[in-house]
Amino acid sequence: MELCQSPENVSLLFAQWRATLIYSYLQGCMGECYVNENDNPKSVQIVVADFVYYASILNIELV
């Protein structure tokens, strides 16, 4: 699990989501993101305050 270096790399995985907190992370306002790899993320976790959002392939290390 790695800290996401670029929100642009995960933005397509959350394109259909309508949660304001996800947009807050993608716009760089708040939160953190963890991925299985930065170059080509397939498992993503966005953490904003007490909320956690997952996208793509399940990865037990992110949970």
PDB file of N, CA and C in Angstrom:
ATOM      1  N   MET A   1       0.840  -1.163   0.000  1.00  0.00           N
ATOM      2  CA  MET A   1       0.000   0.000   0.000  1.00  0.00           C
ATOM      3  C   MET A   1       0.890   1.232   0.000  1.00  0.00           C
ATOM      4  N   GLU A   2       0.587   2.167  -0.863  1.00  0.00           N
ATOM      5  CA  GLU A   2       1.375   3.393  -1.000  1.00  0.00           C
ATOM      6  C   GLU A   2       0.460   4.607  -0.921  1.00  0.00           C
ATOM      7  N   LEU A   3       0.995   5.687  -0.435  1.00  0.00           N
ATOM      8  CA  LEU A   3       0.281   6.950  -0.472  1.00  0.00           C
ATOM      9  C   LEU A   3       0.202   7.405  -1.926  1.00  0.00           C
ATOM     10  N   CYS A   4      -0.958   7.772  -2.377  1.00  0.00           N
ATOM     11  CA  CYS A   4      -1.152   8.192  -3.767  1.00  0.00           C
ATOM     12  C   CYS A   4      -0.381   9.482  -4.032  1.00  0.00           C
ATOM     13  N   GLN A   5       0.422   9.493  -5.072  1.00  0.00           N
ATOM     14  CA  GLN A   5       1.227  10.650  -5.419  1.00  0.00           C
ATOM     15  C   GLN A   5       0.487  11.642  -6.312  1.00  0.00           C
ATOM     16  N   SER A   6      -0.536  11.168  -7.019  1.00  0.00           N
ATOM     17  CA  SER A   6      -1.233  12.039  -7.957  1.00  0.00           C
ATOM     18  C   SER A   6      -2.730  11.716  -7.987  1.00  0.00           C
ATOM     19  N   PRO A   7      -3.582  12.630  -7.544  1.00  0.00           N
ATOM     20  CA  PRO A   7      -5.026  12.383  -7.590  1.00  0.00           C
ATOM     21  C   PRO A   7      -5.547  12.114  -9.004  1.00  0.00           C
ATOM     22  N   GLU A   8      -4.868  12.624  -9.996  1.00  0.00           N
ATOM     23  CA  GLU A   8      -5.295  12.389 -11.380  1.00  0.00           C
ATOM     24  C   GLU A   8      -5.254  10.910 -11.738  1.00  0.00           C
ATOM     25  N   ASN A   9      -4.352  10.159 -11.106  1.00  0.00           N
ATOM     26  CA  ASN A   9      -4.236   8.729 -11.401  1.00  0.00           C
ATOM     27  C   ASN A   9      -5.461   7.941 -10.959  1.00  0.00           C
ATOM     28  N   VAL A  10      -6.182   8.427  -9.962  1.00  0.00           N
ATOM     29  CA  VAL A  10      -7.337   7.691  -9.449  1.00  0.00           C
ATOM     30  C   VAL A  10      -8.669   8.341  -9.816  1.00  0.00           C
ATOM     31  N   SER A  11      -8.639   9.487 -10.428  1.00  0.00           N
ATOM     32  CA  SER A  11      -9.878  10.217 -10.708  1.00  0.00           C
ATOM     33  C   SER A  11     -10.828   9.435 -11.610  1.00  0.00           C
ATOM     34  N   LEU A  12     -10.321   8.680 -12.568  1.00  0.00           N
ATOM     35  CA  LEU A  12     -11.186   7.898 -13.450  1.00  0.00           C
ATOM     36  C   LEU A  12     -11.901   6.780 -12.705  1.00  0.00           C
ATOM     37  N   LEU A  13     -11.265   6.237 -11.671  1.00  0.00           N
ATOM     38  CA  LEU A  13     -11.893   5.161 -10.896  1.00  0.00           C
ATOM     39  C   LEU A  13     -13.088   5.669 -10.094  1.00  0.00           C
ATOM     40  N   PHE A  14     -13.118   6.960  -9.816  1.00  0.00           N
ATOM     41  CA  PHE A  14     -14.219   7.555  -9.050  1.00  0.00           C
ATOM     42  C   PHE A  14     -15.090   8.452  -9.924  1.00  0.00           C
ATOM     43  N   ALA A  15     -15.021   8.316 -11.228  1.00  0.00           N
ATOM     44  CA  ALA A  15     -15.740   9.200 -12.143  1.00  0.00           C
ATOM     45  C   ALA A  15     -17.260   9.137 -11.966  1.00  0.00           C
ATOM     46  N   GLN A  16     -17.811   7.992 -11.645  1.00  0.00           N
ATOM     47  CA  GLN A  16     -19.265   7.837 -11.520  1.00  0.00           C
ATOM     48  C   GLN A  16     -19.777   8.118 -10.110  1.00  0.00           C
ATOM     49  N   TRP A  17     -18.884   8.358  -9.167  1.00  0.00           N
ATOM     50  CA  TRP A  17     -19.282   8.614  -7.784  1.00  0.00           C
ATOM     51  C   TRP A  17     -19.779  10.055  -7.655  1.00  0.00           C
ATOM     52  N   ARG A  18     -20.737  10.280  -6.771  1.00  0.00           N
ATOM     53  CA  ARG A  18     -21.296  11.611  -6.560  1.00  0.00           C
ATOM     54  C   ARG A  18     -21.083  12.108  -5.132  1.00  0.00           C
ATOM     55  N   ALA A  19     -20.122  11.557  -4.424  1.00  0.00           N
ATOM     56  CA  ALA A  19     -19.865  11.949  -3.035  1.00  0.00           C
ATOM     57  C   ALA A  19     -18.983  13.196  -2.995  1.00  0.00           C
ATOM     58  N   THR A  20     -19.432  14.192  -2.286  1.00  0.00           N
ATOM     59  CA  THR A  20     -18.709  15.455  -2.184  1.00  0.00           C
ATOM     60  C   THR A  20     -17.318  15.271  -1.589  1.00  0.00           C
ATOM     61  N   LEU A  21     -17.186  14.369  -0.623  1.00  0.00           N
ATOM     62  CA  LEU A  21     -15.886  14.161   0.007  1.00  0.00           C
ATOM     63  C   LEU A  21     -14.858  13.590  -0.972  1.00  0.00           C
ATOM     64  N   ILE A  22     -15.295  12.789  -1.916  1.00  0.00           N
ATOM     65  CA  ILE A  22     -14.366  12.281  -2.937  1.00  0.00           C
ATOM     66  C   ILE A  22     -13.877  13.437  -3.794  1.00  0.00           C
ATOM     67  N   TYR A  23     -14.778  14.307  -4.182  1.00  0.00           N
ATOM     68  CA  TYR A  23     -14.374  15.476  -4.974  1.00  0.00           C
ATOM     69  C   TYR A  23     -13.442  16.384  -4.175  1.00  0.00           C
ATOM     70  N   SER A  24     -13.655  16.465  -2.875  1.00  0.00           N
ATOM     71  CA  SER A  24     -12.769  17.266  -2.027  1.00  0.00           C
ATOM     72  C   SER A  24     -11.350  16.739  -2.074  1.00  0.00           C
ATOM     73  N   TYR A  25     -11.197  15.415  -2.050  1.00  0.00           N
ATOM     74  CA  TYR A  25      -9.852  14.847  -2.165  1.00  0.00           C
ATOM     75  C   TYR A  25      -9.281  15.095  -3.564  1.00  0.00           C
ATOM     76  N   LEU A  26     -10.048  14.797  -4.592  1.00  0.00           N
ATOM     77  CA  LEU A  26      -9.553  14.919  -5.973  1.00  0.00           C
ATOM     78  C   LEU A  26      -9.151  16.353  -6.314  1.00  0.00           C
ATOM     79  N   GLN A  27      -9.776  17.333  -5.666  1.00  0.00           N
ATOM     80  CA  GLN A  27      -9.436  18.734  -5.900  1.00  0.00           C
ATOM     81  C   GLN A  27      -8.321  19.224  -4.984  1.00  0.00           C
ATOM     82  N   GLY A  28      -7.832  18.347  -4.112  1.00  0.00           N
ATOM     83  CA  GLY A  28      -6.707  18.693  -3.254  1.00  0.00           C
ATOM     84  C   GLY A  28      -7.063  19.458  -1.996  1.00  0.00           C
ATOM     85  N   CYS A  29      -8.335  19.467  -1.626  1.00  0.00           N
ATOM     86  CA  CYS A  29      -8.770  20.218  -0.447  1.00  0.00           C
ATOM     87  C   CYS A  29      -8.512  19.494   0.862  1.00  0.00           C
ATOM     88  N   MET A  30      -8.795  18.183   0.889  1.00  0.00           N
ATOM     89  CA  MET A  30      -8.643  17.434   2.139  1.00  0.00           C
ATOM     90  C   MET A  30      -8.570  15.944   1.843  1.00  0.00           C
ATOM     91  N   GLY A  31      -8.075  15.205   2.824  1.00  0.00           N
ATOM     92  CA  GLY A  31      -8.059  13.752   2.732  1.00  0.00           C
ATOM     93  C   GLY A  31      -6.742  13.186   2.232  1.00  0.00           C
ATOM     94  N   GLU A  32      -6.694  11.864   2.251  1.00  0.00           N
ATOM     95  CA  GLU A  32      -5.542  11.113   1.767  1.00  0.00           C
ATOM     96  C   GLU A  32      -6.031   9.971   0.898  1.00  0.00           C
ATOM     97  N   CYS A  33      -5.149   9.471   0.085  1.00  0.00           N
ATOM     98  CA  CYS A  33      -5.483   8.360  -0.798  1.00  0.00           C
ATOM     99  C   CYS A  33      -4.352   7.339  -0.758  1.00  0.00           C
ATOM    100  N   TYR A  34      -4.735   6.073  -0.728  1.00  0.00           N
ATOM    101  CA  TYR A  34      -3.769   4.977  -0.748  1.00  0.00           C
ATOM    102  C   TYR A  34      -4.074   4.085  -1.941  1.00  0.00           C
ATOM    103  N   VAL A  35      -3.034   3.599  -2.578  1.00  0.00           N
ATOM    104  CA  VAL A  35      -3.182   2.763  -3.764  1.00  0.00           C
ATOM    105  C   VAL A  35      -2.262   1.551  -3.653  1.00  0.00           C
ATOM    106  N   ASN A  36      -2.532   0.543  -4.489  1.00  0.00           N
ATOM    107  CA  ASN A  36      -1.653  -0.616  -4.497  1.00  0.00           C
ATOM    108  C   ASN A  36      -0.348  -0.302  -5.229  1.00  0.00           C
ATOM    109  N   GLU A  37      -0.401   0.584  -6.203  1.00  0.00           N
ATOM    110  CA  GLU A  37       0.795   1.075  -6.889  1.00  0.00           C
ATOM    111  C   GLU A  37       0.473   2.410  -7.543  1.00  0.00           C
ATOM    112  N   ASN A  38       1.427   3.312  -7.563  1.00  0.00           N
ATOM    113  CA  ASN A  38       1.183   4.661  -8.075  1.00  0.00           C
ATOM    114  C   ASN A  38       1.128   4.751  -9.591  1.00  0.00           C
ATOM    115  N   ASP A  39       1.889   3.930 -10.288  1.00  0.00           N
ATOM    116  CA  ASP A  39       1.937   4.030 -11.744  1.00  0.00           C
ATOM    117  C   ASP A  39       0.630   3.604 -12.406  1.00  0.00           C
ATOM    118  N   ASN A  40       0.045   2.524 -11.907  1.00  0.00           N
ATOM    119  CA  ASN A  40      -1.185   1.998 -12.498  1.00  0.00           C
ATOM    120  C   ASN A  40      -2.077   1.457 -11.381  1.00  0.00           C
ATOM    121  N   PRO A  41      -2.745   2.336 -10.633  1.00  0.00           N
ATOM    122  CA  PRO A  41      -3.519   1.878  -9.483  1.00  0.00           C
ATOM    123  C   PRO A  41      -4.716   1.027  -9.881  1.00  0.00           C
ATOM    124  N   LYS A  42      -4.854  -0.102  -9.208  1.00  0.00           N
ATOM    125  CA  LYS A  42      -5.994  -0.984  -9.439  1.00  0.00           C
ATOM    126  C   LYS A  42      -6.848  -1.121  -8.189  1.00  0.00           C
ATOM    127  N   SER A  43      -6.296  -0.763  -7.037  1.00  0.00           N
ATOM    128  CA  SER A  43      -7.018  -0.757  -5.767  1.00  0.00           C
ATOM    129  C   SER A  43      -6.786   0.598  -5.117  1.00  0.00           C
ATOM    130  N   VAL A  44      -7.890   1.255  -4.753  1.00  0.00           N
ATOM    131  CA  VAL A  44      -7.786   2.624  -4.251  1.00  0.00           C
ATOM    132  C   VAL A  44      -8.631   2.795  -2.986  1.00  0.00           C
ATOM    133  N   GLN A  45      -8.082   3.541  -2.043  1.00  0.00           N
ATOM    134  CA  GLN A  45      -8.797   3.892  -0.820  1.00  0.00           C
ATOM    135  C   GLN A  45      -8.629   5.393  -0.596  1.00  0.00           C
ATOM    136  N   ILE A  46      -9.736   6.119  -0.518  1.00  0.00           N
ATOM    137  CA  ILE A  46      -9.705   7.536  -0.186  1.00  0.00           C
ATOM    138  C   ILE A  46     -10.247   7.693   1.230  1.00  0.00           C
ATOM    139  N   VAL A  47      -9.488   8.402   2.066  1.00  0.00           N
ATOM    140  CA  VAL A  47      -9.877   8.625   3.451  1.00  0.00           C
ATOM    141  C   VAL A  47     -10.038  10.129   3.665  1.00  0.00           C
ATOM    142  N   VAL A  48     -11.250  10.532   4.049  1.00  0.00           N
ATOM    143  CA  VAL A  48     -11.533  11.924   4.364  1.00  0.00           C
ATOM    144  C   VAL A  48     -12.280  11.929   5.693  1.00  0.00           C
ATOM    145  N   ALA A  49     -11.634  12.471   6.716  1.00  0.00           N
ATOM    146  CA  ALA A  49     -12.199  12.491   8.073  1.00  0.00           C
ATOM    147  C   ALA A  49     -12.540  11.066   8.505  1.00  0.00           C
ATOM    148  N   ASP A  50     -13.801  10.792   8.837  1.00  0.00           N
ATOM    149  CA  ASP A  50     -14.219   9.460   9.277  1.00  0.00           C
ATOM    150  C   ASP A  50     -14.761   8.599   8.143  1.00  0.00           C
ATOM    151  N   PHE A  51     -14.665   9.069   6.922  1.00  0.00           N
ATOM    152  CA  PHE A  51     -15.238   8.365   5.784  1.00  0.00           C
ATOM    153  C   PHE A  51     -14.145   7.732   4.939  1.00  0.00           C
ATOM    154  N   VAL A  52     -14.403   6.504   4.490  1.00  0.00           N
ATOM    155  CA  VAL A  52     -13.446   5.767   3.662  1.00  0.00           C
ATOM    156  C   VAL A  52     -14.184   5.270   2.425  1.00  0.00           C
ATOM    157  N   TYR A  53     -13.587   5.497   1.268  1.00  0.00           N
ATOM    158  CA  TYR A  53     -14.176   5.084  -0.004  1.00  0.00           C
ATOM    159  C   TYR A  53     -13.195   4.171  -0.731  1.00  0.00           C
ATOM    160  N   TYR A  54     -13.714   3.087  -1.279  1.00  0.00           N
ATOM    161  CA  TYR A  54     -12.894   2.132  -2.021  1.00  0.00           C
ATOM    162  C   TYR A  54     -13.362   2.081  -3.466  1.00  0.00           C
ATOM    163  N   ALA A  55     -12.425   1.825  -4.356  1.00  0.00           N
ATOM    164  CA  ALA A  55     -12.786   1.660  -5.766  1.00  0.00           C
ATOM    165  C   ALA A  55     -11.896   0.608  -6.399  1.00  0.00           C
ATOM    166  N   SER A  56     -12.435   0.001  -7.433  1.00  0.00           N
ATOM    167  CA  SER A  56     -11.754  -0.962  -8.283  1.00  0.00           C
ATOM    168  C   SER A  56     -11.644  -2.330  -7.616  1.00  0.00           C
ATOM    169  N   ILE A  57     -10.498  -2.962  -7.695  1.00  0.00           N
ATOM    170  CA  ILE A  57     -10.310  -4.344  -7.246  1.00  0.00           C
ATOM    171  C   ILE A  57     -10.054  -4.378  -5.733  1.00  0.00           C
ATOM    172  N   LEU A  58     -10.740  -5.288  -5.058  1.00  0.00           N
ATOM    173  CA  LEU A  58     -10.562  -5.434  -3.617  1.00  0.00           C
ATOM    174  C   LEU A  58      -9.129  -5.834  -3.292  1.00  0.00           C
ATOM    175  N   ASN A  59      -8.546  -5.139  -2.326  1.00  0.00           N
ATOM    176  CA  ASN A  59      -7.196  -5.446  -1.853  1.00  0.00           C
ATOM    177  C   ASN A  59      -7.256  -5.441  -0.330  1.00  0.00           C
ATOM    178  N   ILE A  60      -7.043  -6.587   0.281  1.00  0.00           N
ATOM    179  CA  ILE A  60      -7.172  -6.714   1.731  1.00  0.00           C
ATOM    180  C   ILE A  60      -6.201  -5.826   2.476  1.00  0.00           C
ATOM    181  N   GLU A  61      -5.060  -5.484   1.904  1.00  0.00           N
ATOM    182  CA  GLU A  61      -4.097  -4.605   2.553  1.00  0.00           C
ATOM    183  C   GLU A  61      -4.655  -3.185   2.726  1.00  0.00           C
ATOM    184  N   LEU A  62      -5.512  -2.763   1.830  1.00  0.00           N
ATOM    185  CA  LEU A  62      -6.109  -1.434   1.950  1.00  0.00           C
ATOM    186  C   LEU A  62      -7.184  -1.401   3.031  1.00  0.00           C
ATOM    187  N   VAL A  63      -7.842  -2.521   3.227  1.00  0.00           N
ATOM    188  CA  VAL A  63      -8.904  -2.583   4.227  1.00  0.00           C
ATOM    189  C   VAL A  63      -8.279  -2.620   5.601  1.00  0.00           C
TER     190      VAL A  63
END
